[in-house]
Amino acid sequence: MVEDQIDDMADDDDEEIVSRSQIKREAHEFQDLGRQIYELPKKKRNTLPLDPLLHEAFAEADRIKSSDALRRHFQHVGKLIRDMNADELKRELASLKRAAHLKGSRHDLLEQAIKGLLNDGRTASEPFLEKHPQSDRQLLNQLIRNTTRAESKREEGAKETPAMKKLKQYLIRIMKL
């Protein structure tokens, strides 16, 4: 009889005991996830599989001005996220960030190519033409010449020249970005 009671107590101990600190860490994690989602542009935020209550909570957060009130509000957002599938939200948010990173790296490649072509002119166009044989040598050199000329006349802070736009469009098409 005593052994049965001990076995019952052992079965009760098998349940995972979560410390108060662990609960608080998880709560802060959900709040941070809510803030990351809130800081996304609205178009991207609307693509996420969010509960209608979360959409309302984010709309309410737009109206809140006080930092303390916003902090308390994100505690509420954390509770809403805890009640839904947070793992799915984390995966979707990570995929959005990866897509933004890839777009940024393509933009960096384009900027590096433009900088190299404009600074070195024809000497830089030769390696580019070898790397991208489908490009038109004459057109590329003409675009480089026109862009160099237009950029030298452009004032600091002025908008992008039409020649630079044409060069970018051509490079995007050739580099398949």
N, C-alpha and C. Protein backbone atom coordinates (compact mmCIF):
# COMPACT_ATOMS: atom_id res chain seq x y z
N MET A 1 0.81 -1.18 0.00
CA MET A 1 0.00 0.00 0.00
C MET A 1 0.87 1.27 0.00
N VAL A 2 1.87 1.27 0.83
CA VAL A 2 2.80 2.40 0.88
C VAL A 2 3.56 2.48 -0.44
N GLU A 3 3.90 1.31 -0.98
CA GLU A 3 4.62 1.30 -2.25
C GLU A 3 3.76 1.88 -3.37
N ASP A 4 2.45 1.62 -3.36
CA ASP A 4 1.55 2.19 -4.36
C ASP A 4 1.53 3.71 -4.27
N GLN A 5 1.52 4.22 -3.03
CA GLN A 5 1.52 5.67 -2.85
C GLN A 5 2.82 6.29 -3.37
N ILE A 6 3.92 5.57 -3.13
CA ILE A 6 5.23 6.07 -3.60
C ILE A 6 5.25 6.05 -5.13
N ASP A 7 4.72 5.00 -5.76
CA ASP A 7 4.65 4.94 -7.22
C ASP A 7 3.79 6.06 -7.78
N ASP A 8 2.65 6.34 -7.11
CA ASP A 8 1.78 7.44 -7.55
C ASP A 8 2.51 8.78 -7.46
N MET A 9 3.27 8.93 -6.37
CA MET A 9 4.01 10.18 -6.21
C MET A 9 5.10 10.30 -7.27
N ALA A 10 5.71 9.18 -7.63
CA ALA A 10 6.75 9.18 -8.66
C ALA A 10 6.15 9.55 -10.01
N ASP A 11 4.92 9.07 -10.28
CA ASP A 11 4.25 9.43 -11.53
C ASP A 11 3.95 10.92 -11.58
N ASP A 12 3.58 11.51 -10.45
CA ASP A 12 3.31 12.95 -10.39
C ASP A 12 4.58 13.75 -10.64
N ASP A 13 5.72 13.21 -10.20
CA ASP A 13 6.99 13.92 -10.38
C ASP A 13 7.47 13.89 -11.83
N ASP A 14 6.93 12.96 -12.63
CA ASP A 14 7.34 12.87 -14.02
C ASP A 14 6.90 14.10 -14.83
N GLU A 15 5.87 14.79 -14.36
CA GLU A 15 5.43 16.00 -15.04
C GLU A 15 6.53 17.04 -14.95
N GLU A 16 6.72 17.76 -16.02
CA GLU A 16 7.79 18.75 -16.07
C GLU A 16 7.39 19.97 -15.26
N ILE A 17 8.25 20.33 -14.34
CA ILE A 17 8.01 21.50 -13.52
C ILE A 17 8.71 22.68 -14.18
N VAL A 18 7.95 23.72 -14.48
CA VAL A 18 8.49 24.89 -15.14
C VAL A 18 8.68 25.97 -14.08
N SER A 19 9.88 26.49 -14.02
CA SER A 19 10.18 27.50 -13.02
C SER A 19 9.54 28.83 -13.40
N ARG A 20 9.41 29.66 -12.41
CA ARG A 20 8.84 30.99 -12.62
C ARG A 20 9.73 31.80 -13.58
N SER A 21 11.04 31.62 -13.45
CA SER A 21 11.98 32.33 -14.33
C SER A 21 11.79 31.89 -15.78
N GLN A 22 11.58 30.59 -15.99
CA GLN A 22 11.37 30.08 -17.35
C GLN A 22 10.08 30.67 -17.94
N ILE A 23 9.05 30.76 -17.13
CA ILE A 23 7.79 31.34 -17.60
C ILE A 23 8.01 32.80 -18.02
N LYS A 24 8.78 33.53 -17.22
CA LYS A 24 9.04 34.94 -17.55
C LYS A 24 9.88 35.06 -18.82
N ARG A 25 10.88 34.17 -18.99
CA ARG A 25 11.70 34.21 -20.21
C ARG A 25 10.83 33.96 -21.44
N GLU A 26 9.92 32.99 -21.34
CA GLU A 26 9.03 32.72 -22.46
C GLU A 26 8.11 33.90 -22.73
N ALA A 27 7.62 34.53 -21.66
CA ALA A 27 6.75 35.70 -21.84
C ALA A 27 7.50 36.82 -22.56
N HIS A 28 8.76 37.05 -22.17
CA HIS A 28 9.56 38.09 -22.83
C HIS A 28 9.84 37.71 -24.29
N GLU A 29 10.04 36.43 -24.54
CA GLU A 29 10.27 35.97 -25.91
C GLU A 29 9.05 36.24 -26.78
N PHE A 30 7.86 35.98 -26.25
CA PHE A 30 6.63 36.25 -27.01
C PHE A 30 6.43 37.75 -27.21
N GLN A 31 6.78 38.55 -26.21
CA GLN A 31 6.67 40.00 -26.36
C GLN A 31 7.62 40.50 -27.44
N ASP A 32 8.85 39.97 -27.44
CA ASP A 32 9.83 40.37 -28.46
C ASP A 32 9.37 39.96 -29.86
N LEU A 33 8.78 38.77 -29.95
CA LEU A 33 8.25 38.32 -31.23
C LEU A 33 7.14 39.27 -31.70
N GLY A 34 6.28 39.67 -30.77
CA GLY A 34 5.22 40.63 -31.09
C GLY A 34 5.79 41.95 -31.57
N ARG A 35 6.85 42.43 -30.92
CA ARG A 35 7.47 43.69 -31.35
C ARG A 35 8.09 43.56 -32.73
N GLN A 36 8.75 42.43 -33.00
CA GLN A 36 9.36 42.22 -34.31
C GLN A 36 8.29 42.22 -35.40
N ILE A 37 7.18 41.58 -35.12
CA ILE A 37 6.08 41.55 -36.10
C ILE A 37 5.51 42.94 -36.27
N TYR A 38 5.35 43.66 -35.16
CA TYR A 38 4.78 45.01 -35.21
C TYR A 38 5.67 45.95 -36.00
N GLU A 39 6.98 45.79 -35.91
CA GLU A 39 7.92 46.69 -36.59
C GLU A 39 8.02 46.42 -38.09
N LEU A 40 7.44 45.32 -38.56
CA LEU A 40 7.41 45.06 -39.99
C LEU A 40 6.50 46.07 -40.68
N PRO A 41 6.76 46.36 -41.94
CA PRO A 41 5.81 47.18 -42.69
C PRO A 41 4.44 46.48 -42.72
N LYS A 42 3.38 47.27 -42.76
CA LYS A 42 2.02 46.70 -42.67
C LYS A 42 1.74 45.69 -43.77
N LYS A 43 2.26 45.91 -44.96
CA LYS A 43 2.02 44.97 -46.06
C LYS A 43 2.61 43.60 -45.73
N LYS A 44 3.82 43.60 -45.21
CA LYS A 44 4.45 42.32 -44.85
C LYS A 44 3.76 41.70 -43.64
N ARG A 45 3.37 42.54 -42.69
CA ARG A 45 2.69 42.04 -41.50
C ARG A 45 1.37 41.36 -41.88
N ASN A 46 0.69 41.91 -42.86
CA ASN A 46 -0.59 41.34 -43.27
C ASN A 46 -0.45 40.02 -44.00
N THR A 47 0.76 39.70 -44.49
CA THR A 47 0.97 38.42 -45.15
C THR A 47 1.15 37.28 -44.14
N LEU A 48 1.44 37.62 -42.89
CA LEU A 48 1.63 36.60 -41.86
C LEU A 48 0.28 36.02 -41.43
N PRO A 49 0.28 34.74 -41.03
CA PRO A 49 -0.98 34.12 -40.58
C PRO A 49 -1.31 34.54 -39.15
N LEU A 50 -1.84 35.75 -39.00
CA LEU A 50 -2.12 36.30 -37.67
C LEU A 50 -3.59 36.16 -37.33
N ASP A 51 -3.84 36.00 -36.05
CA ASP A 51 -5.19 35.96 -35.51
C ASP A 51 -5.82 37.35 -35.65
N PRO A 52 -7.12 37.44 -35.89
CA PRO A 52 -7.75 38.77 -35.97
C PRO A 52 -7.53 39.61 -34.71
N LEU A 53 -7.45 38.95 -33.55
CA LEU A 53 -7.19 39.70 -32.32
C LEU A 53 -5.81 40.35 -32.36
N LEU A 54 -4.85 39.69 -32.99
CA LEU A 54 -3.51 40.29 -33.11
C LEU A 54 -3.53 41.49 -34.05
N HIS A 55 -4.29 41.37 -35.14
CA HIS A 55 -4.41 42.53 -36.04
C HIS A 55 -4.99 43.73 -35.29
N GLU A 56 -6.00 43.47 -34.47
CA GLU A 56 -6.61 44.54 -33.67
C GLU A 56 -5.60 45.10 -32.67
N ALA A 57 -4.82 44.20 -32.06
CA ALA A 57 -3.83 44.64 -31.08
C ALA A 57 -2.76 45.51 -31.73
N PHE A 58 -2.35 45.16 -32.95
CA PHE A 58 -1.35 45.97 -33.65
C PHE A 58 -1.94 47.32 -34.07
N ALA A 59 -3.20 47.32 -34.45
CA ALA A 59 -3.87 48.59 -34.78
C ALA A 59 -3.94 49.47 -33.54
N GLU A 60 -4.22 48.86 -32.40
CA GLU A 60 -4.27 49.60 -31.14
C GLU A 60 -2.88 50.13 -30.78
N ALA A 61 -1.84 49.35 -31.04
CA ALA A 61 -0.47 49.79 -30.74
C ALA A 61 -0.10 51.02 -31.57
N ASP A 62 -0.67 51.13 -32.78
CA ASP A 62 -0.41 52.32 -33.60
C ASP A 62 -0.94 53.58 -32.94
N ARG A 63 -2.01 53.43 -32.17
CA ARG A 63 -2.63 54.59 -31.54
C ARG A 63 -2.00 54.96 -30.20
N ILE A 64 -1.24 54.07 -29.60
CA ILE A 64 -0.67 54.31 -28.28
C ILE A 64 0.60 55.16 -28.41
N LYS A 65 0.68 56.22 -27.62
CA LYS A 65 1.83 57.13 -27.68
C LYS A 65 2.78 56.94 -26.50
N SER A 66 2.25 56.62 -25.33
CA SER A 66 3.06 56.50 -24.12
C SER A 66 3.91 55.23 -24.17
N SER A 67 5.18 55.36 -23.81
CA SER A 67 6.07 54.19 -23.86
C SER A 67 5.69 53.15 -22.81
N ASP A 68 5.24 53.60 -21.63
CA ASP A 68 4.81 52.63 -20.61
C ASP A 68 3.55 51.90 -21.04
N ALA A 69 2.64 52.63 -21.64
CA ALA A 69 1.40 52.00 -22.11
C ALA A 69 1.72 51.01 -23.23
N LEU A 70 2.67 51.36 -24.08
CA LEU A 70 3.06 50.46 -25.17
C LEU A 70 3.73 49.20 -24.61
N ARG A 71 4.55 49.36 -23.57
CA ARG A 71 5.18 48.22 -22.93
C ARG A 71 4.11 47.27 -22.36
N ARG A 72 3.12 47.82 -21.67
CA ARG A 72 2.03 47.00 -21.12
C ARG A 72 1.23 46.36 -22.25
N HIS A 73 1.04 47.10 -23.32
CA HIS A 73 0.26 46.57 -24.44
C HIS A 73 0.98 45.38 -25.07
N PHE A 74 2.29 45.43 -25.15
CA PHE A 74 3.02 44.31 -25.74
C PHE A 74 3.05 43.11 -24.81
N GLN A 75 2.81 43.32 -23.52
CA GLN A 75 2.59 42.18 -22.64
C GLN A 75 1.31 41.46 -23.07
N HIS A 76 0.29 42.24 -23.41
CA HIS A 76 -0.97 41.67 -23.90
C HIS A 76 -0.75 40.96 -25.24
N VAL A 77 0.03 41.57 -26.13
CA VAL A 77 0.33 40.96 -27.43
C VAL A 77 1.07 39.63 -27.21
N GLY A 78 2.00 39.60 -26.24
CA GLY A 78 2.71 38.37 -25.92
C GLY A 78 1.76 37.27 -25.47
N LYS A 79 0.75 37.64 -24.69
CA LYS A 79 -0.24 36.64 -24.26
C LYS A 79 -1.04 36.12 -25.45
N LEU A 80 -1.38 37.00 -26.37
CA LEU A 80 -2.12 36.56 -27.56
C LEU A 80 -1.28 35.61 -28.41
N ILE A 81 0.00 35.92 -28.54
CA ILE A 81 0.89 35.06 -29.34
C ILE A 81 1.07 33.71 -28.64
N ARG A 82 1.17 33.74 -27.32
CA ARG A 82 1.33 32.50 -26.57
C ARG A 82 0.14 31.56 -26.81
N ASP A 83 -1.05 32.13 -26.96
CA ASP A 83 -2.26 31.33 -27.16
C ASP A 83 -2.37 30.77 -28.57
N MET A 84 -1.61 31.32 -29.52
CA MET A 84 -1.66 30.80 -30.88
C MET A 84 -0.37 30.05 -31.19
N ASN A 85 -0.20 29.63 -32.42
CA ASN A 85 0.96 28.84 -32.81
C ASN A 85 2.16 29.76 -33.05
N ALA A 86 2.98 29.95 -32.02
CA ALA A 86 4.11 30.87 -32.12
C ALA A 86 5.22 30.31 -33.02
N ASP A 87 5.35 28.98 -33.07
CA ASP A 87 6.40 28.39 -33.91
C ASP A 87 6.17 28.73 -35.38
N GLU A 88 4.93 28.66 -35.81
CA GLU A 88 4.61 29.00 -37.20
C GLU A 88 4.93 30.46 -37.48
N LEU A 89 4.59 31.33 -36.54
CA LEU A 89 4.89 32.76 -36.70
C LEU A 89 6.41 32.98 -36.79
N LYS A 90 7.17 32.28 -35.96
CA LYS A 90 8.63 32.43 -35.99
C LYS A 90 9.18 31.99 -37.35
N ARG A 91 8.67 30.88 -37.88
CA ARG A 91 9.14 30.41 -39.19
C ARG A 91 8.80 31.42 -40.28
N GLU A 92 7.58 31.94 -40.26
CA GLU A 92 7.18 32.92 -41.28
C GLU A 92 8.02 34.19 -41.18
N LEU A 93 8.26 34.64 -39.96
CA LEU A 93 9.07 35.85 -39.75
C LEU A 93 10.50 35.62 -40.23
N ALA A 94 11.04 34.44 -39.95
CA ALA A 94 12.40 34.11 -40.40
C ALA A 94 12.47 34.07 -41.92
N SER A 95 11.43 33.52 -42.57
CA SER A 95 11.46 33.48 -44.04
C SER A 95 11.35 34.88 -44.63
N LEU A 96 10.58 35.78 -44.00
CA LEU A 96 10.52 37.17 -44.46
C LEU A 96 11.88 37.85 -44.32
N LYS A 97 12.56 37.59 -43.22
CA LYS A 97 13.87 38.20 -43.00
C LYS A 97 14.90 37.65 -43.99
N ARG A 98 14.83 36.34 -44.29
CA ARG A 98 15.75 35.76 -45.27
C ARG A 98 15.52 36.37 -46.64
N ALA A 99 14.25 36.55 -47.01
CA ALA A 99 13.94 37.14 -48.31
C ALA A 99 14.47 38.58 -48.39
N ALA A 100 14.33 39.32 -47.31
CA ALA A 100 14.84 40.69 -47.29
C ALA A 100 16.36 40.70 -47.37
N HIS A 101 16.99 39.73 -46.71
CA HIS A 101 18.46 39.65 -46.75
C HIS A 101 18.94 39.32 -48.16
N LEU A 102 18.24 38.38 -48.82
CA LEU A 102 18.63 38.03 -50.20
C LEU A 102 18.45 39.22 -51.12
N LYS A 103 17.38 39.96 -50.94
CA LYS A 103 17.15 41.14 -51.77
C LYS A 103 18.26 42.16 -51.53
N GLY A 104 18.66 42.31 -50.28
CA GLY A 104 19.74 43.23 -49.94
C GLY A 104 21.06 42.80 -50.54
N SER A 105 21.33 41.49 -50.53
CA SER A 105 22.60 41.02 -51.09
C SER A 105 22.61 41.19 -52.61
N ARG A 106 21.46 41.00 -53.28
CA ARG A 106 21.40 41.24 -54.73
C ARG A 106 21.64 42.71 -55.03
N HIS A 107 21.08 43.57 -54.18
CA HIS A 107 21.27 45.01 -54.34
C HIS A 107 22.76 45.35 -54.16
N ASP A 108 23.41 44.71 -53.19
CA ASP A 108 24.83 44.94 -52.96
C ASP A 108 25.66 44.51 -54.17
N LEU A 109 25.32 43.36 -54.76
CA LEU A 109 26.03 42.90 -55.96
C LEU A 109 25.90 43.91 -57.09
N LEU A 110 24.70 44.42 -57.27
CA LEU A 110 24.45 45.40 -58.32
C LEU A 110 25.27 46.67 -58.07
N GLU A 111 25.26 47.15 -56.82
CA GLU A 111 26.01 48.37 -56.49
C GLU A 111 27.51 48.16 -56.69
N GLN A 112 28.02 46.99 -56.34
CA GLN A 112 29.45 46.71 -56.54
C GLN A 112 29.80 46.70 -58.03
N ALA A 113 28.93 46.08 -58.82
CA ALA A 113 29.18 46.03 -60.26
C ALA A 113 29.18 47.44 -60.86
N ILE A 114 28.22 48.25 -60.47
CA ILE A 114 28.13 49.62 -60.99
C ILE A 114 29.35 50.42 -60.57
N LYS A 115 29.71 50.31 -59.30
CA LYS A 115 30.87 51.06 -58.80
C LYS A 115 32.13 50.66 -59.56
N GLY A 116 32.33 49.37 -59.75
CA GLY A 116 33.51 48.90 -60.48
C GLY A 116 33.51 49.37 -61.92
N LEU A 117 32.36 49.28 -62.57
CA LEU A 117 32.29 49.69 -63.98
C LEU A 117 32.50 51.18 -64.15
N LEU A 118 31.95 51.99 -63.24
CA LEU A 118 32.09 53.44 -63.37
C LEU A 118 33.49 53.91 -62.99
N ASN A 119 34.10 53.28 -62.01
CA ASN A 119 35.43 53.73 -61.57
C ASN A 119 36.52 53.31 -62.56
N ASP A 120 36.42 52.11 -63.09
CA ASP A 120 37.50 51.59 -63.93
C ASP A 120 37.17 51.62 -65.43
N GLY A 121 35.94 51.90 -65.78
CA GLY A 121 35.56 52.03 -67.18
C GLY A 121 35.75 50.77 -67.99
N ARG A 122 36.46 50.91 -69.12
CA ARG A 122 36.63 49.77 -70.05
C ARG A 122 37.43 48.63 -69.44
N THR A 123 38.38 48.94 -68.58
CA THR A 123 39.17 47.86 -67.98
C THR A 123 38.31 46.98 -67.09
N ALA A 124 37.28 47.54 -66.47
CA ALA A 124 36.38 46.75 -65.63
C ALA A 124 35.32 46.04 -66.46
N SER A 125 35.04 46.58 -67.65
CA SER A 125 34.00 45.95 -68.46
C SER A 125 34.47 44.63 -69.06
N GLU A 126 35.78 44.47 -69.27
CA GLU A 126 36.29 43.21 -69.84
C GLU A 126 36.00 42.01 -68.94
N PRO A 127 36.34 42.05 -67.64
CA PRO A 127 35.99 40.90 -66.78
C PRO A 127 34.47 40.70 -66.67
N PHE A 128 33.74 41.80 -66.68
CA PHE A 128 32.28 41.70 -66.62
C PHE A 128 31.75 40.98 -67.86
N LEU A 129 32.29 41.34 -69.02
CA LEU A 129 31.84 40.71 -70.26
C LEU A 129 32.22 39.23 -70.31
N GLU A 130 33.35 38.88 -69.73
CA GLU A 130 33.74 37.46 -69.68
C GLU A 130 32.80 36.69 -68.75
N LYS A 131 32.42 37.31 -67.67
CA LYS A 131 31.53 36.66 -66.70
C LYS A 131 30.11 36.56 -67.23
N HIS A 132 29.70 37.55 -68.03
CA HIS A 132 28.35 37.59 -68.60
C HIS A 132 28.46 37.72 -70.12
N PRO A 133 28.70 36.62 -70.82
CA PRO A 133 28.94 36.67 -72.27
C PRO A 133 27.70 37.09 -73.07
N GLN A 134 26.53 37.01 -72.49
CA GLN A 134 25.31 37.38 -73.21
C GLN A 134 25.14 38.90 -73.31
N SER A 135 26.00 39.66 -72.62
CA SER A 135 25.87 41.12 -72.66
C SER A 135 26.47 41.70 -73.95
N ASP A 136 25.96 42.83 -74.32
CA ASP A 136 26.38 43.54 -75.53
C ASP A 136 27.49 44.52 -75.16
N ARG A 137 28.69 44.28 -75.70
CA ARG A 137 29.87 45.09 -75.37
C ARG A 137 29.65 46.56 -75.71
N GLN A 138 29.15 46.81 -76.89
CA GLN A 138 28.99 48.19 -77.35
C GLN A 138 27.97 48.92 -76.48
N LEU A 139 26.86 48.28 -76.20
CA LEU A 139 25.81 48.90 -75.37
C LEU A 139 26.32 49.15 -73.96
N LEU A 140 27.03 48.18 -73.39
CA LEU A 140 27.56 48.33 -72.03
C LEU A 140 28.53 49.50 -71.96
N ASN A 141 29.45 49.58 -72.91
CA ASN A 141 30.41 50.69 -72.90
C ASN A 141 29.71 52.04 -73.09
N GLN A 142 28.68 52.06 -73.93
CA GLN A 142 27.92 53.30 -74.14
C GLN A 142 27.20 53.70 -72.85
N LEU A 143 26.59 52.74 -72.16
CA LEU A 143 25.90 53.04 -70.90
C LEU A 143 26.88 53.53 -69.83
N ILE A 144 28.06 52.92 -69.79
CA ILE A 144 29.08 53.35 -68.82
C ILE A 144 29.51 54.79 -69.12
N ARG A 145 29.76 55.08 -70.40
CA ARG A 145 30.19 56.42 -70.81
C ARG A 145 29.12 57.45 -70.46
N ASN A 146 27.86 57.16 -70.83
CA ASN A 146 26.78 58.11 -70.56
C ASN A 146 26.56 58.32 -69.06
N THR A 147 26.65 57.26 -68.30
CA THR A 147 26.45 57.37 -66.84
C THR A 147 27.59 58.14 -66.20
N THR A 148 28.81 57.90 -66.63
CA THR A 148 29.96 58.63 -66.08
C THR A 148 29.82 60.12 -66.36
N ARG A 149 29.43 60.44 -67.57
CA ARG A 149 29.25 61.85 -67.96
C ARG A 149 28.12 62.49 -67.14
N ALA A 150 26.99 61.80 -67.00
CA ALA A 150 25.84 62.35 -66.28
C ALA A 150 26.14 62.47 -64.78
N GLU A 151 26.85 61.50 -64.23
CA GLU A 151 27.16 61.54 -62.79
C GLU A 151 28.14 62.66 -62.46
N SER A 152 29.02 63.00 -63.39
CA SER A 152 29.97 64.09 -63.13
C SER A 152 29.25 65.45 -63.10
N LYS A 153 28.15 65.55 -63.84
CA LYS A 153 27.38 66.80 -63.87
C LYS A 153 26.34 66.87 -62.76
N ARG A 154 26.01 65.73 -62.17
CA ARG A 154 24.95 65.69 -61.16
C ARG A 154 25.43 66.36 -59.88
N GLU A 155 24.54 67.14 -59.28
CA GLU A 155 24.86 67.81 -58.03
C GLU A 155 24.66 66.85 -56.86
N GLU A 156 25.36 67.12 -55.78
CA GLU A 156 25.26 66.29 -54.57
C GLU A 156 23.83 66.36 -54.03
N GLY A 157 23.26 65.21 -53.76
CA GLY A 157 21.91 65.16 -53.21
C GLY A 157 20.81 65.16 -54.25
N ALA A 158 21.18 65.34 -55.52
CA ALA A 158 20.18 65.32 -56.58
C ALA A 158 19.74 63.88 -56.84
N LYS A 159 18.56 63.75 -57.44
CA LYS A 159 18.06 62.39 -57.68
C LYS A 159 18.88 61.68 -58.75
N GLU A 160 18.66 60.39 -58.83
CA GLU A 160 19.41 59.54 -59.75
C GLU A 160 19.19 59.97 -61.21
N THR A 161 20.26 59.95 -61.97
CA THR A 161 20.17 60.37 -63.37
C THR A 161 19.50 59.28 -64.22
N PRO A 162 18.88 59.68 -65.33
CA PRO A 162 18.28 58.68 -66.23
C PRO A 162 19.31 57.70 -66.77
N ALA A 163 20.52 58.16 -66.99
CA ALA A 163 21.58 57.27 -67.49
C ALA A 163 21.90 56.18 -66.47
N MET A 164 21.94 56.56 -65.19
CA MET A 164 22.20 55.57 -64.13
C MET A 164 21.05 54.56 -64.06
N LYS A 165 19.82 55.03 -64.22
CA LYS A 165 18.67 54.12 -64.22
C LYS A 165 18.77 53.11 -65.37
N LYS A 166 19.15 53.59 -66.54
CA LYS A 166 19.29 52.69 -67.69
C LYS A 166 20.39 51.66 -67.46
N LEU A 167 21.51 52.11 -66.89
CA LEU A 167 22.61 51.18 -66.60
C LEU A 167 22.17 50.12 -65.59
N LYS A 168 21.47 50.56 -64.54
CA LYS A 168 20.98 49.60 -63.53
C LYS A 168 20.02 48.59 -64.15
N GLN A 169 19.09 49.08 -64.96
CA GLN A 169 18.12 48.17 -65.58
C GLN A 169 18.83 47.15 -66.48
N TYR A 170 19.81 47.62 -67.21
CA TYR A 170 20.55 46.71 -68.09
C TYR A 170 21.31 45.66 -67.28
N LEU A 171 21.98 46.10 -66.22
CA LEU A 171 22.75 45.16 -65.40
C LEU A 171 21.84 44.16 -64.69
N ILE A 172 20.69 44.61 -64.24
CA ILE A 172 19.73 43.69 -63.60
C ILE A 172 19.30 42.63 -64.59
N ARG A 173 19.04 43.06 -65.82
CA ARG A 173 18.61 42.10 -66.84
C ARG A 173 19.73 41.12 -67.18
N ILE A 174 20.96 41.62 -67.31
CA ILE A 174 22.09 40.76 -67.69
C ILE A 174 22.49 39.85 -66.53
N MET A 175 22.54 40.39 -65.32
CA MET A 175 22.97 39.60 -64.17
C MET A 175 21.84 38.72 -63.62
N LYS A 176 20.65 38.91 -64.15
CA LYS A 176 19.47 38.14 -63.74
C LYS A 176 19.20 38.26 -62.25
N LEU A 177 19.16 39.51 -61.78
CA LEU A 177 18.90 39.77 -60.36
C LEU A 177 17.43 39.98 -60.10
